[in-house]
Amino acid sequence: MLERELRAGPAAGVRAFLDLWRRTVIGSDYAAGCPVLAVAVEEPPGEGDPEAITAAMCRAERDIRPLDDVAAQPETLIGAAVTT
């Protein structure tokens, strides 16, 4: 699936990749993925580590919305870069 979406263009590829991670996070009950490792061992995320901060927010709130909020940003940037 991801391979097909990547051939469809950068925005579709990023969207498919983020959807894969979204399903992984939800399917693991917020315990999967490298960014979650820092949270799983109860170390606070560093100030400069947005992935760990997003993972911490998802886990703490048991809500996927922080990931969804971040996921919207790359598509906007890609759209702006492709149209200019």
PDB file of N, CA and C in Angstrom:
ATOM      1  N   MET A   1       0.820  -1.189   0.000  1.00  0.00           N
ATOM      2  CA  MET A   1       0.000   0.000   0.000  1.00  0.00           C
ATOM      3  C   MET A   1       0.872   1.265   0.000  1.00  0.00           C
ATOM      4  N   LEU A   2       1.856   1.327   0.873  1.00  0.00           N
ATOM      5  CA  LEU A   2       2.699   2.517   0.969  1.00  0.00           C
ATOM      6  C   LEU A   2       3.437   2.745  -0.352  1.00  0.00           C
ATOM      7  N   GLU A   3       3.922   1.694  -0.946  1.00  0.00           N
ATOM      8  CA  GLU A   3       4.647   1.815  -2.215  1.00  0.00           C
ATOM      9  C   GLU A   3       3.763   2.437  -3.298  1.00  0.00           C
ATOM     10  N   ARG A   4       2.529   1.995  -3.378  1.00  0.00           N
ATOM     11  CA  ARG A   4       1.588   2.539  -4.365  1.00  0.00           C
ATOM     12  C   ARG A   4       1.328   4.022  -4.101  1.00  0.00           C
ATOM     13  N   GLU A   5       1.153   4.371  -2.853  1.00  0.00           N
ATOM     14  CA  GLU A   5       0.888   5.768  -2.501  1.00  0.00           C
ATOM     15  C   GLU A   5       2.093   6.653  -2.796  1.00  0.00           C
ATOM     16  N   LEU A   6       3.294   6.143  -2.577  1.00  0.00           N
ATOM     17  CA  LEU A   6       4.493   6.919  -2.877  1.00  0.00           C
ATOM     18  C   LEU A   6       4.593   7.213  -4.368  1.00  0.00           C
ATOM     19  N   ARG A   7       4.179   6.269  -5.189  1.00  0.00           N
ATOM     20  CA  ARG A   7       4.178   6.515  -6.639  1.00  0.00           C
ATOM     21  C   ARG A   7       3.148   7.561  -7.025  1.00  0.00           C
ATOM     22  N   ALA A   8       2.120   7.718  -6.215  1.00  0.00           N
ATOM     23  CA  ALA A   8       1.062   8.696  -6.503  1.00  0.00           C
ATOM     24  C   ALA A   8       1.528  10.128  -6.244  1.00  0.00           C
ATOM     25  N   GLY A   9       2.619  10.290  -5.530  1.00  0.00           N
ATOM     26  CA  GLY A   9       3.137  11.628  -5.266  1.00  0.00           C
ATOM     27  C   GLY A   9       3.570  11.789  -3.827  1.00  0.00           C
ATOM     28  N   PRO A  10       4.309  12.859  -3.542  1.00  0.00           N
ATOM     29  CA  PRO A  10       4.845  13.042  -2.194  1.00  0.00           C
ATOM     30  C   PRO A  10       3.771  13.224  -1.116  1.00  0.00           C
ATOM     31  N   ALA A  11       2.730  13.971  -1.412  1.00  0.00           N
ATOM     32  CA  ALA A  11       1.680  14.188  -0.400  1.00  0.00           C
ATOM     33  C   ALA A  11       0.967  12.881  -0.079  1.00  0.00           C
ATOM     34  N   ALA A  12       0.647  12.107  -1.110  1.00  0.00           N
ATOM     35  CA  ALA A  12      -0.021  10.816  -0.896  1.00  0.00           C
ATOM     36  C   ALA A  12       0.886   9.864  -0.127  1.00  0.00           C
ATOM     37  N   GLY A  13       2.190   9.894  -0.428  1.00  0.00           N
ATOM     38  CA  GLY A  13       3.138   9.030   0.271  1.00  0.00           C
ATOM     39  C   GLY A  13       3.259   9.375   1.740  1.00  0.00           C
ATOM     40  N   VAL A  14       3.373  10.652   2.039  1.00  0.00           N
ATOM     41  CA  VAL A  14       3.466  11.085   3.438  1.00  0.00           C
ATOM     42  C   VAL A  14       2.177  10.755   4.181  1.00  0.00           C
ATOM     43  N   ARG A  15       1.047  10.999   3.535  1.00  0.00           N
ATOM     44  CA  ARG A  15      -0.250  10.701   4.152  1.00  0.00           C
ATOM     45  C   ARG A  15      -0.362   9.213   4.481  1.00  0.00           C
ATOM     46  N   ALA A  16       0.063   8.340   3.557  1.00  0.00           N
ATOM     47  CA  ALA A  16       0.001   6.892   3.780  1.00  0.00           C
ATOM     48  C   ALA A  16       0.950   6.467   4.897  1.00  0.00           C
ATOM     49  N   PHE A  17       2.152   7.060   4.925  1.00  0.00           N
ATOM     50  CA  PHE A  17       3.111   6.730   5.967  1.00  0.00           C
ATOM     51  C   PHE A  17       2.578   7.113   7.344  1.00  0.00           C
ATOM     52  N   LEU A  18       2.031   8.310   7.445  1.00  0.00           N
ATOM     53  CA  LEU A  18       1.488   8.763   8.732  1.00  0.00           C
ATOM     54  C   LEU A  18       0.264   7.948   9.143  1.00  0.00           C
ATOM     55  N   ASP A  19      -0.533   7.525   8.167  1.00  0.00           N
ATOM     56  CA  ASP A  19      -1.671   6.669   8.474  1.00  0.00           C
ATOM     57  C   ASP A  19      -1.195   5.317   9.014  1.00  0.00           C
ATOM     58  N   LEU A  20      -0.108   4.801   8.448  1.00  0.00           N
ATOM     59  CA  LEU A  20       0.469   3.551   8.942  1.00  0.00           C
ATOM     60  C   LEU A  20       0.879   3.695  10.407  1.00  0.00           C
ATOM     61  N   TRP A  21       1.551   4.817  10.735  1.00  0.00           N
ATOM     62  CA  TRP A  21       1.956   5.042  12.120  1.00  0.00           C
ATOM     63  C   TRP A  21       0.754   5.258  13.030  1.00  0.00           C
ATOM     64  N   ARG A  22      -0.244   5.922  12.527  1.00  0.00           N
ATOM     65  CA  ARG A  22      -1.466   6.142  13.312  1.00  0.00           C
ATOM     66  C   ARG A  22      -2.079   4.799  13.711  1.00  0.00           C
ATOM     67  N   ARG A  23      -2.189   3.899  12.732  1.00  0.00           N
ATOM     68  CA  ARG A  23      -2.764   2.573  13.009  1.00  0.00           C
ATOM     69  C   ARG A  23      -1.866   1.776  13.954  1.00  0.00           C
ATOM     70  N   THR A  24      -0.549   1.943  13.803  1.00  0.00           N
ATOM     71  CA  THR A  24       0.382   1.237  14.682  1.00  0.00           C
ATOM     72  C   THR A  24       0.242   1.712  16.123  1.00  0.00           C
ATOM     73  N   VAL A  25       0.178   3.015  16.312  1.00  0.00           N
ATOM     74  CA  VAL A  25       0.052   3.578  17.668  1.00  0.00           C
ATOM     75  C   VAL A  25      -1.257   3.130  18.309  1.00  0.00           C
ATOM     76  N   ILE A  26      -2.351   3.245  17.580  1.00  0.00           N
ATOM     77  CA  ILE A  26      -3.647   2.844  18.136  1.00  0.00           C
ATOM     78  C   ILE A  26      -3.687   1.342  18.386  1.00  0.00           C
ATOM     79  N   GLY A  27      -3.189   0.569  17.416  1.00  0.00           N
ATOM     80  CA  GLY A  27      -3.215  -0.896  17.539  1.00  0.00           C
ATOM     81  C   GLY A  27      -2.373  -1.425  18.682  1.00  0.00           C
ATOM     82  N   SER A  28      -1.354  -0.679  19.084  1.00  0.00           N
ATOM     83  CA  SER A  28      -0.487  -1.118  20.182  1.00  0.00           C
ATOM     84  C   SER A  28      -0.927  -0.531  21.519  1.00  0.00           C
ATOM     85  N   ASP A  29      -2.078   0.107  21.535  1.00  0.00           N
ATOM     86  CA  ASP A  29      -2.575   0.780  22.740  1.00  0.00           C
ATOM     87  C   ASP A  29      -1.580   1.841  23.201  1.00  0.00           C
ATOM     88  N   TYR A  30      -1.038   2.577  22.207  1.00  0.00           N
ATOM     89  CA  TYR A  30      -0.137   3.709  22.431  1.00  0.00           C
ATOM     90  C   TYR A  30       1.228   3.311  22.973  1.00  0.00           C
ATOM     91  N   ALA A  31       1.665   2.078  22.690  1.00  0.00           N
ATOM     92  CA  ALA A  31       2.951   1.624  23.215  1.00  0.00           C
ATOM     93  C   ALA A  31       3.986   1.352  22.127  1.00  0.00           C
ATOM     94  N   ALA A  32       3.661   1.479  20.852  1.00  0.00           N
ATOM     95  CA  ALA A  32       4.586   1.126  19.772  1.00  0.00           C
ATOM     96  C   ALA A  32       5.284   2.335  19.189  1.00  0.00           C
ATOM     97  N   GLY A  33       6.379   2.052  18.526  1.00  0.00           N
ATOM     98  CA  GLY A  33       7.097   3.076  17.778  1.00  0.00           C
ATOM     99  C   GLY A  33       8.285   3.612  18.542  1.00  0.00           C
ATOM    100  N   CYS A  34       9.324   3.924  17.809  1.00  0.00           N
ATOM    101  CA  CYS A  34      10.545   4.431  18.432  1.00  0.00           C
ATOM    102  C   CYS A  34      10.314   5.670  19.300  1.00  0.00           C
ATOM    103  N   PRO A  35       9.527   6.670  18.853  1.00  0.00           N
ATOM    104  CA  PRO A  35       9.338   7.849  19.694  1.00  0.00           C
ATOM    105  C   PRO A  35       8.693   7.519  21.037  1.00  0.00           C
ATOM    106  N   VAL A  36       8.005   6.411  21.102  1.00  0.00           N
ATOM    107  CA  VAL A  36       7.321   6.038  22.334  1.00  0.00           C
ATOM    108  C   VAL A  36       8.299   5.437  23.342  1.00  0.00           C
ATOM    109  N   LEU A  37       9.460   4.990  22.863  1.00  0.00           N
ATOM    110  CA  LEU A  37      10.409   4.342  23.758  1.00  0.00           C
ATOM    111  C   LEU A  37      10.760   5.216  24.960  1.00  0.00           C
ATOM    112  N   ALA A  38      11.010   6.484  24.716  1.00  0.00           N
ATOM    113  CA  ALA A  38      11.351   7.378  25.832  1.00  0.00           C
ATOM    114  C   ALA A  38      10.232   7.437  26.855  1.00  0.00           C
ATOM    115  N   VAL A  39       9.007   7.423  26.384  1.00  0.00           N
ATOM    116  CA  VAL A  39       7.867   7.472  27.293  1.00  0.00           C
ATOM    117  C   VAL A  39       7.708   6.140  28.011  1.00  0.00           C
ATOM    118  N   ALA A  40       7.917   5.051  27.292  1.00  0.00           N
ATOM    119  CA  ALA A  40       7.732   3.719  27.872  1.00  0.00           C
ATOM    120  C   ALA A  40       8.676   3.472  29.045  1.00  0.00           C
ATOM    121  N   VAL A  41       9.865   4.042  28.980  1.00  0.00           N
ATOM    122  CA  VAL A  41      10.803   3.869  30.089  1.00  0.00           C
ATOM    123  C   VAL A  41      10.735   5.036  31.064  1.00  0.00           C
ATOM    124  N   GLU A  42       9.717   5.863  30.879  1.00  0.00           N
ATOM    125  CA  GLU A  42       9.402   6.963  31.779  1.00  0.00           C
ATOM    126  C   GLU A  42      10.475   8.028  31.861  1.00  0.00           C
ATOM    127  N   GLU A  43      11.168   8.270  30.747  1.00  0.00           N
ATOM    128  CA  GLU A  43      12.092   9.386  30.685  1.00  0.00           C
ATOM    129  C   GLU A  43      11.379  10.531  29.988  1.00  0.00           C
ATOM    130  N   PRO A  44      11.470  11.726  30.520  1.00  0.00           N
ATOM    131  CA  PRO A  44      10.787  12.841  29.861  1.00  0.00           C
ATOM    132  C   PRO A  44      11.432  13.133  28.511  1.00  0.00           C
ATOM    133  N   PRO A  45      10.639  13.483  27.511  1.00  0.00           N
ATOM    134  CA  PRO A  45      11.213  13.809  26.211  1.00  0.00           C
ATOM    135  C   PRO A  45      12.017  15.097  26.283  1.00  0.00           C
ATOM    136  N   GLY A  46      13.069  15.162  25.479  1.00  0.00           N
ATOM    137  CA  GLY A  46      13.883  16.364  25.431  1.00  0.00           C
ATOM    138  C   GLY A  46      13.126  17.488  24.743  1.00  0.00           C
ATOM    139  N   GLU A  47      13.518  18.710  25.040  1.00  0.00           N
ATOM    140  CA  GLU A  47      12.843  19.870  24.456  1.00  0.00           C
ATOM    141  C   GLU A  47      12.932  19.879  22.944  1.00  0.00           C
ATOM    142  N   GLY A  48      14.020  19.361  22.382  1.00  0.00           N
ATOM    143  CA  GLY A  48      14.218  19.400  20.942  1.00  0.00           C
ATOM    144  C   GLY A  48      13.762  18.149  20.224  1.00  0.00           C
ATOM    145  N   ASP A  49      12.961  17.318  20.847  1.00  0.00           N
ATOM    146  CA  ASP A  49      12.549  16.048  20.244  1.00  0.00           C
ATOM    147  C   ASP A  49      11.038  16.035  20.033  1.00  0.00           C
ATOM    148  N   PRO A  50      10.566  16.641  18.944  1.00  0.00           N
ATOM    149  CA  PRO A  50       9.119  16.748  18.738  1.00  0.00           C
ATOM    150  C   PRO A  50       8.430  15.395  18.595  1.00  0.00           C
ATOM    151  N   GLU A  51       9.122  14.379  18.053  1.00  0.00           N
ATOM    152  CA  GLU A  51       8.498  13.059  17.925  1.00  0.00           C
ATOM    153  C   GLU A  51       8.197  12.466  19.292  1.00  0.00           C
ATOM    154  N   ALA A  52       9.157  12.579  20.204  1.00  0.00           N
ATOM    155  CA  ALA A  52       8.955  12.042  21.550  1.00  0.00           C
ATOM    156  C   ALA A  52       7.882  12.823  22.288  1.00  0.00           C
ATOM    157  N   ILE A  53       7.842  14.135  22.082  1.00  0.00           N
ATOM    158  CA  ILE A  53       6.818  14.953  22.731  1.00  0.00           C
ATOM    159  C   ILE A  53       5.434  14.564  22.225  1.00  0.00           C
ATOM    160  N   THR A  54       5.301  14.381  20.903  1.00  0.00           N
ATOM    161  CA  THR A  54       4.014  13.967  20.333  1.00  0.00           C
ATOM    162  C   THR A  54       3.615  12.597  20.867  1.00  0.00           C
ATOM    163  N   ALA A  55       4.573  11.672  20.915  1.00  0.00           N
ATOM    164  CA  ALA A  55       4.284  10.335  21.446  1.00  0.00           C
ATOM    165  C   ALA A  55       3.858  10.405  22.908  1.00  0.00           C
ATOM    166  N   ALA A  56       4.543  11.263  23.675  1.00  0.00           N
ATOM    167  CA  ALA A  56       4.195  11.410  25.084  1.00  0.00           C
ATOM    168  C   ALA A  56       2.783  11.953  25.242  1.00  0.00           C
ATOM    169  N   MET A  57       2.435  12.905  24.405  1.00  0.00           N
ATOM    170  CA  MET A  57       1.085  13.477  24.490  1.00  0.00           C
ATOM    171  C   MET A  57       0.034  12.432  24.136  1.00  0.00           C
ATOM    172  N   CYS A  58       0.282  11.658  23.078  1.00  0.00           N
ATOM    173  CA  CYS A  58      -0.668  10.608  22.693  1.00  0.00           C
ATOM    174  C   CYS A  58      -0.849   9.612  23.832  1.00  0.00           C
ATOM    175  N   ARG A  59       0.267   9.205  24.402  1.00  0.00           N
ATOM    176  CA  ARG A  59       0.193   8.190  25.461  1.00  0.00           C
ATOM    177  C   ARG A  59      -0.459   8.747  26.719  1.00  0.00           C
ATOM    178  N   ALA A  60      -0.064   9.941  27.110  1.00  0.00           N
ATOM    179  CA  ALA A  60      -0.604  10.531  28.329  1.00  0.00           C
ATOM    180  C   ALA A  60      -2.101  10.771  28.215  1.00  0.00           C
ATOM    181  N   GLU A  61      -2.519  11.237  27.045  1.00  0.00           N
ATOM    182  CA  GLU A  61      -3.939  11.541  26.842  1.00  0.00           C
ATOM    183  C   GLU A  61      -4.726  10.333  26.341  1.00  0.00           C
ATOM    184  N   ARG A  62      -3.988   9.274  25.940  1.00  0.00           N
ATOM    185  CA  ARG A  62      -4.599   8.087  25.326  1.00  0.00           C
ATOM    186  C   ARG A  62      -5.518   8.544  24.201  1.00  0.00           C
ATOM    187  N   ASP A  63      -4.922   9.403  23.357  1.00  0.00           N
ATOM    188  CA  ASP A  63      -5.665  10.039  22.282  1.00  0.00           C
ATOM    189  C   ASP A  63      -4.726  10.214  21.096  1.00  0.00           C
ATOM    190  N   ILE A  64      -5.200   9.982  19.904  1.00  0.00           N
ATOM    191  CA  ILE A  64      -4.383  10.066  18.700  1.00  0.00           C
ATOM    192  C   ILE A  64      -4.348  11.484  18.123  1.00  0.00           C
ATOM    193  N   ARG A  65      -5.147  12.389  18.657  1.00  0.00           N
ATOM    194  CA  ARG A  65      -5.203  13.749  18.098  1.00  0.00           C
ATOM    195  C   ARG A  65      -3.860  14.476  18.024  1.00  0.00           C
ATOM    196  N   PRO A  66      -2.961  14.350  19.012  1.00  0.00           N
ATOM    197  CA  PRO A  66      -1.664  15.028  18.849  1.00  0.00           C
ATOM    198  C   PRO A  66      -0.923  14.564  17.589  1.00  0.00           C
ATOM    199  N   LEU A  67      -0.972  13.270  17.290  1.00  0.00           N
ATOM    200  CA  LEU A  67      -0.344  12.770  16.070  1.00  0.00           C
ATOM    201  C   LEU A  67      -1.068  13.288  14.838  1.00  0.00           C
ATOM    202  N   ASP A  68      -2.374  13.309  14.873  1.00  0.00           N
ATOM    203  CA  ASP A  68      -3.145  13.828  13.741  1.00  0.00           C
ATOM    204  C   ASP A  68      -2.835  15.299  13.485  1.00  0.00           C
ATOM    205  N   ASP A  69      -2.662  16.076  14.554  1.00  0.00           N
ATOM    206  CA  ASP A  69      -2.339  17.498  14.398  1.00  0.00           C
ATOM    207  C   ASP A  69      -0.985  17.676  13.717  1.00  0.00           C
ATOM    208  N   VAL A  70      -0.007  16.893  14.144  1.00  0.00           N
ATOM    209  CA  VAL A  70       1.322  16.969  13.552  1.00  0.00           C
ATOM    210  C   VAL A  70       1.300  16.437  12.117  1.00  0.00           C
ATOM    211  N   ALA A  71       0.510  15.417  11.862  1.00  0.00           N
ATOM    212  CA  ALA A  71       0.445  14.802  10.534  1.00  0.00           C
ATOM    213  C   ALA A  71      -0.063  15.770   9.474  1.00  0.00           C
ATOM    214  N   ALA A  72      -0.837  16.749   9.845  1.00  0.00           N
ATOM    215  CA  ALA A  72      -1.374  17.705   8.875  1.00  0.00           C
ATOM    216  C   ALA A  72      -0.295  18.657   8.360  1.00  0.00           C
ATOM    217  N   GLN A  73       0.744  18.875   9.111  1.00  0.00           N
ATOM    218  CA  GLN A  73       1.773  19.852   8.743  1.00  0.00           C
ATOM    219  C   GLN A  73       2.578  19.478   7.502  1.00  0.00           C
ATOM    220  N   PRO A  74       3.092  18.230   7.373  1.00  0.00           N
ATOM    221  CA  PRO A  74       3.889  17.911   6.176  1.00  0.00           C
ATOM    222  C   PRO A  74       3.089  18.050   4.872  1.00  0.00           C
ATOM    223  N   GLU A  75       1.832  17.666   4.897  1.00  0.00           N
ATOM    224  CA  GLU A  75       1.032  17.766   3.685  1.00  0.00           C
ATOM    225  C   GLU A  75       0.886  19.226   3.250  1.00  0.00           C
ATOM    226  N   THR A  76       0.714  20.120   4.197  1.00  0.00           N
ATOM    227  CA  THR A  76       0.631  21.537   3.878  1.00  0.00           C
ATOM    228  C   THR A  76       1.948  22.037   3.271  1.00  0.00           C
ATOM    229  N   LEU A  77       3.049  21.636   3.855  1.00  0.00           N
ATOM    230  CA  LEU A  77       4.366  22.056   3.344  1.00  0.00           C
ATOM    231  C   LEU A  77       4.634  21.487   1.952  1.00  0.00           C
ATOM    232  N   ILE A  78       4.281  20.232   1.749  1.00  0.00           N
ATOM    233  CA  ILE A  78       4.489  19.599   0.437  1.00  0.00           C
ATOM    234  C   ILE A  78       3.630  20.301  -0.611  1.00  0.00           C
ATOM    235  N   GLY A  79       2.389  20.586  -0.259  1.00  0.00           N
ATOM    236  CA  GLY A  79       1.499  21.274  -1.185  1.00  0.00           C
ATOM    237  C   GLY A  79       2.055  22.637  -1.592  1.00  0.00           C
ATOM    238  N   ALA A  80       2.608  23.351  -0.643  1.00  0.00           N
ATOM    239  CA  ALA A  80       3.177  24.659  -0.940  1.00  0.00           C
ATOM    240  C   ALA A  80       4.424  24.540  -1.810  1.00  0.00           C
ATOM    241  N   ALA A  81       5.238  23.534  -1.563  1.00  0.00           N
ATOM    242  CA  ALA A  81       6.463  23.346  -2.328  1.00  0.00           C
ATOM    243  C   ALA A  81       6.193  22.877  -3.749  1.00  0.00           C
ATOM    244  N   VAL A  82       5.184  22.066  -3.927  1.00  0.00           N
ATOM    245  CA  VAL A  82       4.871  21.518  -5.248  1.00  0.00           C
ATOM    246  C   VAL A  82       4.228  22.564  -6.135  1.00  0.00           C
ATOM    247  N   THR A  83       3.456  23.470  -5.556  1.00  0.00           N
ATOM    248  CA  THR A  83       2.752  24.466  -6.370  1.00  0.00           C
ATOM    249  C   THR A  83       3.600  25.692  -6.671  1.00  0.00           C
ATOM    250  N   THR A  84       4.761  25.840  -6.022  1.00  0.00           N
ATOM    251  CA  THR A  84       5.601  27.018  -6.281  1.00  0.00           C
ATOM    252  C   THR A  84       6.657  26.725  -7.318  1.00  0.00           C
TER     253      THR A  84
END
